[in-house]
Amino acid sequence: MKATLPKLSSAMTASTGAQAVEIGQISLVVEDVLAATEIIDIHTHLFAPSFGKLGLWGIDELLTYHYLEAEFFRSSHTAPDQYFALSKTQQADAIWRALFIENTPISESTRASWPSSRLLVCPPTR
């Protein structure tokens, strides 16, 4: 649905050149602007190897992805300061234990990570 801005010449703002929008038209204008805006969602785990250190690779990076970290903090008694003091491998081990060994991996995040972790030859007892 394409929204058009109302013709309110008195509503022009000198500092920005923006036009005021009636409150009932805000959602239509926002929808129109978003539909016309190119959005690129860059995930470092999707970068090609040619990106070098910008790309994140391996089981430790997979397990310490922020979705799993957030779930880890909801599922464990580890305080954030304790967790962030650990090495990347220790963090990954803590997440693996809490989300895949001590709990059934039923969330969307853990279910999405499970097939990849198996491809990376992650032993189920890690």
N, C-alpha and C. Protein backbone atom coordinates (compact mmCIF):
# COMPACT_ATOMS: atom_id res chain seq x y z
N MET A 1 0.84 -1.16 0.00
CA MET A 1 0.00 0.00 0.00
C MET A 1 0.89 1.23 0.00
N LYS A 2 0.74 2.10 -0.95
CA LYS A 2 1.59 3.28 -1.10
C LYS A 2 0.93 4.47 -0.44
N ALA A 3 1.62 5.09 0.49
CA ALA A 3 1.11 6.28 1.16
C ALA A 3 1.72 7.52 0.54
N THR A 4 0.96 8.56 0.50
CA THR A 4 1.49 9.84 0.03
C THR A 4 1.36 10.83 1.16
N LEU A 5 2.33 11.71 1.24
CA LEU A 5 2.31 12.72 2.28
C LEU A 5 1.21 13.73 1.98
N PRO A 6 0.52 14.20 3.01
CA PRO A 6 -0.52 15.20 2.80
C PRO A 6 0.09 16.50 2.31
N LYS A 7 -0.65 17.27 1.55
CA LYS A 7 -0.18 18.56 1.05
C LYS A 7 -0.43 19.62 2.12
N LEU A 8 0.53 19.78 2.99
CA LEU A 8 0.43 20.76 4.08
C LEU A 8 1.60 21.73 3.96
N SER A 9 1.46 22.73 3.09
CA SER A 9 2.57 23.64 2.86
C SER A 9 2.98 24.39 4.11
N SER A 10 2.04 24.65 5.01
CA SER A 10 2.38 25.36 6.24
C SER A 10 3.12 24.47 7.22
N ALA A 11 3.15 23.17 6.96
CA ALA A 11 3.79 22.23 7.88
C ALA A 11 5.26 21.99 7.55
N MET A 12 5.78 22.62 6.52
CA MET A 12 7.17 22.41 6.17
C MET A 12 8.06 22.96 7.28
N THR A 13 9.04 22.19 7.64
CA THR A 13 9.98 22.60 8.67
C THR A 13 11.22 23.17 8.00
N ALA A 14 11.57 24.37 8.34
CA ALA A 14 12.69 25.04 7.70
C ALA A 14 14.02 24.32 7.94
N SER A 15 14.21 23.78 9.12
CA SER A 15 15.51 23.18 9.44
C SER A 15 15.76 21.86 8.72
N THR A 16 14.73 21.09 8.46
CA THR A 16 14.94 19.78 7.85
C THR A 16 14.28 19.63 6.49
N GLY A 17 13.34 20.49 6.17
CA GLY A 17 12.61 20.34 4.93
C GLY A 17 11.58 19.23 5.02
N ALA A 18 11.38 18.67 6.20
CA ALA A 18 10.42 17.59 6.39
C ALA A 18 9.01 18.13 6.45
N GLN A 19 8.09 17.30 6.09
CA GLN A 19 6.69 17.68 6.12
C GLN A 19 6.01 16.96 7.26
N ALA A 20 5.13 17.66 7.97
CA ALA A 20 4.40 17.03 9.07
C ALA A 20 3.40 16.03 8.51
N VAL A 21 3.17 14.98 9.25
CA VAL A 21 2.24 13.93 8.85
C VAL A 21 1.17 13.82 9.92
N GLU A 22 -0.06 13.69 9.50
CA GLU A 22 -1.15 13.49 10.45
C GLU A 22 -0.93 12.17 11.18
N ILE A 23 -1.33 12.12 12.41
CA ILE A 23 -1.07 10.93 13.23
C ILE A 23 -1.66 9.66 12.62
N GLY A 24 -2.80 9.77 11.98
CA GLY A 24 -3.41 8.60 11.37
C GLY A 24 -2.69 8.09 10.14
N GLN A 25 -1.75 8.88 9.60
CA GLN A 25 -1.01 8.48 8.41
C GLN A 25 0.40 7.99 8.72
N ILE A 26 0.81 8.07 9.96
CA ILE A 26 2.19 7.71 10.31
C ILE A 26 2.52 6.28 9.90
N SER A 27 1.66 5.33 10.24
CA SER A 27 1.99 3.94 9.91
C SER A 27 2.08 3.73 8.40
N LEU A 28 1.23 4.40 7.62
CA LEU A 28 1.31 4.27 6.16
C LEU A 28 2.59 4.87 5.61
N VAL A 29 2.99 6.01 6.13
CA VAL A 29 4.22 6.66 5.68
C VAL A 29 5.43 5.81 6.05
N VAL A 30 5.45 5.30 7.28
CA VAL A 30 6.57 4.46 7.71
C VAL A 30 6.64 3.21 6.84
N GLU A 31 5.51 2.57 6.58
CA GLU A 31 5.48 1.38 5.73
C GLU A 31 6.02 1.70 4.34
N ASP A 32 5.63 2.85 3.80
CA ASP A 32 6.08 3.24 2.46
C ASP A 32 7.60 3.50 2.44
N VAL A 33 8.09 4.19 3.45
CA VAL A 33 9.52 4.48 3.52
C VAL A 33 10.32 3.19 3.68
N LEU A 34 9.87 2.29 4.54
CA LEU A 34 10.58 1.01 4.72
C LEU A 34 10.55 0.16 3.46
N ALA A 35 9.43 0.18 2.74
CA ALA A 35 9.34 -0.60 1.51
C ALA A 35 10.29 -0.07 0.44
N ALA A 36 10.58 1.21 0.50
CA ALA A 36 11.46 1.82 -0.51
C ALA A 36 12.92 1.86 -0.08
N THR A 37 13.22 1.41 1.14
CA THR A 37 14.58 1.47 1.68
C THR A 37 15.29 0.14 1.50
N GLU A 38 16.48 0.19 0.90
CA GLU A 38 17.28 -1.03 0.76
C GLU A 38 17.90 -1.35 2.11
N ILE A 39 17.70 -2.55 2.56
CA ILE A 39 18.22 -2.98 3.86
C ILE A 39 19.15 -4.16 3.64
N ILE A 40 20.34 -4.05 4.18
CA ILE A 40 21.32 -5.14 4.11
C ILE A 40 21.62 -5.57 5.53
N ASP A 41 21.33 -6.81 5.84
CA ASP A 41 21.54 -7.35 7.17
C ASP A 41 22.84 -8.15 7.15
N ILE A 42 23.89 -7.56 7.66
CA ILE A 42 25.20 -8.19 7.61
C ILE A 42 25.42 -9.02 8.88
N HIS A 43 25.62 -10.30 8.70
CA HIS A 43 25.94 -11.19 9.80
C HIS A 43 27.37 -11.68 9.59
N THR A 44 28.21 -11.45 10.56
CA THR A 44 29.61 -11.82 10.41
C THR A 44 29.79 -13.31 10.17
N HIS A 45 28.86 -14.13 10.64
CA HIS A 45 29.00 -15.58 10.44
C HIS A 45 28.66 -15.99 9.00
N LEU A 46 28.20 -15.05 8.20
CA LEU A 46 27.88 -15.35 6.80
C LEU A 46 28.95 -14.84 5.84
N PHE A 47 29.97 -14.16 6.35
CA PHE A 47 31.02 -13.62 5.49
C PHE A 47 31.83 -14.74 4.85
N ALA A 48 32.26 -14.49 3.64
CA ALA A 48 33.12 -15.44 2.94
C ALA A 48 34.50 -15.47 3.59
N PRO A 49 35.24 -16.55 3.41
CA PRO A 49 36.59 -16.64 4.00
C PRO A 49 37.49 -15.47 3.58
N SER A 50 37.25 -14.89 2.43
CA SER A 50 38.09 -13.78 1.96
C SER A 50 37.98 -12.55 2.86
N PHE A 51 36.97 -12.49 3.74
CA PHE A 51 36.83 -11.38 4.67
C PHE A 51 37.75 -11.51 5.88
N GLY A 52 38.47 -12.62 5.97
CA GLY A 52 39.44 -12.79 7.05
C GLY A 52 38.82 -12.75 8.43
N LYS A 53 39.38 -11.92 9.31
CA LYS A 53 38.94 -11.87 10.71
C LYS A 53 37.54 -11.28 10.89
N LEU A 54 36.97 -10.70 9.83
CA LEU A 54 35.59 -10.20 9.94
C LEU A 54 34.59 -11.35 9.98
N GLY A 55 34.99 -12.50 9.45
CA GLY A 55 34.13 -13.67 9.47
C GLY A 55 34.37 -14.48 10.72
N LEU A 56 33.31 -15.03 11.27
CA LEU A 56 33.42 -15.86 12.47
C LEU A 56 33.19 -17.32 12.07
N TRP A 57 34.11 -18.20 12.47
CA TRP A 57 34.07 -19.59 12.04
C TRP A 57 34.27 -20.52 13.20
N GLY A 58 33.70 -21.70 13.11
CA GLY A 58 33.99 -22.76 14.08
C GLY A 58 32.93 -22.91 15.15
N ILE A 59 33.08 -23.99 15.88
CA ILE A 59 32.10 -24.36 16.89
C ILE A 59 32.04 -23.35 18.04
N ASP A 60 33.18 -22.81 18.46
CA ASP A 60 33.15 -21.85 19.56
C ASP A 60 32.40 -20.58 19.18
N GLU A 61 32.60 -20.12 17.95
CA GLU A 61 31.88 -18.92 17.49
C GLU A 61 30.39 -19.21 17.34
N LEU A 62 30.06 -20.41 16.87
CA LEU A 62 28.65 -20.78 16.74
C LEU A 62 27.96 -20.80 18.10
N LEU A 63 28.61 -21.42 19.08
CA LEU A 63 27.98 -21.55 20.39
C LEU A 63 27.95 -20.25 21.18
N THR A 64 28.85 -19.33 20.90
CA THR A 64 28.86 -18.07 21.64
C THR A 64 28.14 -16.97 20.88
N TYR A 65 27.32 -17.33 19.89
CA TYR A 65 26.50 -16.37 19.18
C TYR A 65 25.53 -15.74 20.17
N HIS A 66 25.21 -14.48 20.02
CA HIS A 66 24.48 -13.74 21.05
C HIS A 66 23.10 -14.33 21.37
N TYR A 67 22.44 -14.99 20.44
CA TYR A 67 21.15 -15.61 20.77
C TYR A 67 21.34 -16.71 21.81
N LEU A 68 22.38 -17.51 21.63
CA LEU A 68 22.63 -18.58 22.58
C LEU A 68 23.17 -18.04 23.90
N GLU A 69 23.95 -16.96 23.84
CA GLU A 69 24.41 -16.34 25.09
C GLU A 69 23.22 -15.85 25.92
N ALA A 70 22.27 -15.20 25.26
CA ALA A 70 21.10 -14.70 25.98
C ALA A 70 20.33 -15.85 26.62
N GLU A 71 20.17 -16.93 25.87
CA GLU A 71 19.48 -18.10 26.41
C GLU A 71 20.28 -18.74 27.54
N PHE A 72 21.59 -18.74 27.41
CA PHE A 72 22.46 -19.27 28.45
C PHE A 72 22.23 -18.54 29.77
N PHE A 73 22.15 -17.22 29.72
CA PHE A 73 21.96 -16.45 30.95
C PHE A 73 20.59 -16.70 31.59
N ARG A 74 19.61 -17.05 30.76
CA ARG A 74 18.29 -17.40 31.31
C ARG A 74 18.28 -18.82 31.87
N SER A 75 19.20 -19.67 31.42
CA SER A 75 19.17 -21.09 31.77
C SER A 75 20.24 -21.51 32.78
N SER A 76 21.11 -20.60 33.15
CA SER A 76 22.19 -20.99 34.06
C SER A 76 22.28 -20.02 35.23
N HIS A 77 23.10 -20.38 36.17
CA HIS A 77 23.32 -19.52 37.34
C HIS A 77 24.61 -18.71 37.19
N THR A 78 25.20 -18.73 36.02
CA THR A 78 26.45 -17.99 35.78
C THR A 78 26.15 -16.52 35.59
N ALA A 79 26.84 -15.69 36.34
CA ALA A 79 26.67 -14.24 36.21
C ALA A 79 27.42 -13.75 34.97
N PRO A 80 26.93 -12.69 34.33
CA PRO A 80 27.61 -12.19 33.13
C PRO A 80 29.09 -11.88 33.34
N ASP A 81 29.46 -11.30 34.47
CA ASP A 81 30.87 -10.98 34.69
C ASP A 81 31.72 -12.25 34.77
N GLN A 82 31.17 -13.33 35.33
CA GLN A 82 31.90 -14.60 35.37
C GLN A 82 32.05 -15.17 33.96
N TYR A 83 30.97 -15.11 33.19
CA TYR A 83 30.98 -15.65 31.83
C TYR A 83 31.98 -14.90 30.96
N PHE A 84 31.94 -13.58 30.97
CA PHE A 84 32.80 -12.80 30.09
C PHE A 84 34.27 -12.82 30.51
N ALA A 85 34.55 -13.31 31.71
CA ALA A 85 35.94 -13.48 32.14
C ALA A 85 36.54 -14.78 31.58
N LEU A 86 35.70 -15.65 31.04
CA LEU A 86 36.16 -16.92 30.48
C LEU A 86 36.75 -16.73 29.08
N SER A 87 37.57 -17.66 28.66
CA SER A 87 38.06 -17.66 27.28
C SER A 87 36.90 -18.03 26.36
N LYS A 88 37.04 -17.79 25.07
CA LYS A 88 36.00 -18.13 24.09
C LYS A 88 35.65 -19.61 24.17
N THR A 89 36.66 -20.47 24.28
CA THR A 89 36.41 -21.91 24.36
C THR A 89 35.68 -22.27 25.65
N GLN A 90 36.04 -21.66 26.76
CA GLN A 90 35.36 -21.92 28.02
C GLN A 90 33.91 -21.42 27.96
N GLN A 91 33.68 -20.29 27.32
CA GLN A 91 32.32 -19.78 27.14
C GLN A 91 31.49 -20.78 26.32
N ALA A 92 32.06 -21.25 25.23
CA ALA A 92 31.37 -22.21 24.36
C ALA A 92 31.07 -23.50 25.14
N ASP A 93 32.02 -23.97 25.92
CA ASP A 93 31.80 -25.18 26.72
C ASP A 93 30.67 -24.97 27.73
N ALA A 94 30.63 -23.80 28.37
CA ALA A 94 29.58 -23.51 29.35
C ALA A 94 28.21 -23.48 28.68
N ILE A 95 28.13 -22.86 27.51
CA ILE A 95 26.86 -22.81 26.77
C ILE A 95 26.45 -24.22 26.33
N TRP A 96 27.41 -24.99 25.82
CA TRP A 96 27.11 -26.35 25.38
C TRP A 96 26.53 -27.17 26.53
N ARG A 97 27.19 -27.10 27.69
CA ARG A 97 26.72 -27.86 28.86
C ARG A 97 25.32 -27.42 29.28
N ALA A 98 25.13 -26.09 29.41
CA ALA A 98 23.86 -25.58 29.92
C ALA A 98 22.70 -25.79 28.96
N LEU A 99 22.93 -25.59 27.68
CA LEU A 99 21.81 -25.61 26.72
C LEU A 99 21.61 -26.93 26.00
N PHE A 100 22.66 -27.74 25.91
CA PHE A 100 22.54 -28.97 25.13
C PHE A 100 22.70 -30.25 25.97
N ILE A 101 23.38 -30.16 27.11
CA ILE A 101 23.59 -31.34 27.94
C ILE A 101 22.63 -31.33 29.14
N GLU A 102 22.62 -30.21 29.88
CA GLU A 102 21.79 -30.14 31.08
C GLU A 102 20.32 -29.83 30.78
N ASN A 103 20.04 -29.33 29.59
CA ASN A 103 18.68 -29.00 29.18
C ASN A 103 18.43 -29.55 27.79
N THR A 104 17.18 -29.78 27.47
CA THR A 104 16.81 -30.24 26.14
C THR A 104 16.81 -29.04 25.20
N PRO A 105 17.53 -29.12 24.09
CA PRO A 105 17.60 -27.99 23.16
C PRO A 105 16.31 -27.87 22.34
N ILE A 106 15.33 -27.15 22.90
CA ILE A 106 14.04 -27.04 22.22
C ILE A 106 13.75 -25.64 21.70
N SER A 107 14.54 -24.65 22.09
CA SER A 107 14.29 -23.30 21.61
C SER A 107 14.68 -23.20 20.13
N GLU A 108 14.20 -22.16 19.49
CA GLU A 108 14.55 -21.95 18.08
C GLU A 108 16.06 -21.79 17.91
N SER A 109 16.69 -21.07 18.82
CA SER A 109 18.14 -20.86 18.73
C SER A 109 18.93 -22.15 18.85
N THR A 110 18.58 -22.95 19.83
CA THR A 110 19.34 -24.20 20.01
C THR A 110 19.03 -25.20 18.91
N ARG A 111 17.77 -25.25 18.48
CA ARG A 111 17.43 -26.18 17.40
C ARG A 111 18.12 -25.79 16.10
N ALA A 112 18.29 -24.49 15.88
CA ALA A 112 18.98 -24.03 14.67
C ALA A 112 20.48 -24.30 14.75
N SER A 113 21.04 -24.27 15.94
CA SER A 113 22.48 -24.49 16.13
C SER A 113 22.86 -25.96 16.11
N TRP A 114 21.93 -26.82 16.51
CA TRP A 114 22.24 -28.24 16.65
C TRP A 114 22.75 -28.88 15.36
N PRO A 115 22.08 -28.72 14.21
CA PRO A 115 22.60 -29.36 12.99
C PRO A 115 24.00 -28.86 12.61
N SER A 116 24.24 -27.56 12.77
CA SER A 116 25.56 -27.01 12.45
C SER A 116 26.62 -27.56 13.39
N SER A 117 26.27 -27.68 14.67
CA SER A 117 27.26 -28.19 15.63
C SER A 117 27.62 -29.63 15.30
N ARG A 118 26.65 -30.39 14.83
CA ARG A 118 26.95 -31.79 14.44
C ARG A 118 27.85 -31.83 13.22
N LEU A 119 27.64 -30.89 12.30
CA LEU A 119 28.52 -30.83 11.12
C LEU A 119 29.94 -30.45 11.49
N LEU A 120 30.08 -29.70 12.58
CA LEU A 120 31.41 -29.29 13.03
C LEU A 120 32.03 -30.34 13.95
N VAL A 121 31.43 -31.52 14.00
CA VAL A 121 31.92 -32.66 14.76
C VAL A 121 32.04 -32.33 16.24
N CYS A 122 30.97 -31.80 16.78
CA CYS A 122 30.94 -31.49 18.21
C CYS A 122 30.43 -32.73 18.94
N PRO A 123 31.25 -33.33 19.77
CA PRO A 123 30.80 -34.53 20.48
C PRO A 123 29.67 -34.20 21.43
N PRO A 124 28.66 -35.05 21.55
CA PRO A 124 27.52 -34.75 22.39
C PRO A 124 27.84 -34.68 23.88
N THR A 125 29.01 -35.10 24.29
CA THR A 125 29.38 -35.05 25.71
C THR A 125 30.33 -33.91 26.04
N ARG A 126 30.56 -33.03 25.09
CA ARG A 126 31.54 -31.95 25.27
C ARG A 126 31.28 -31.16 26.50
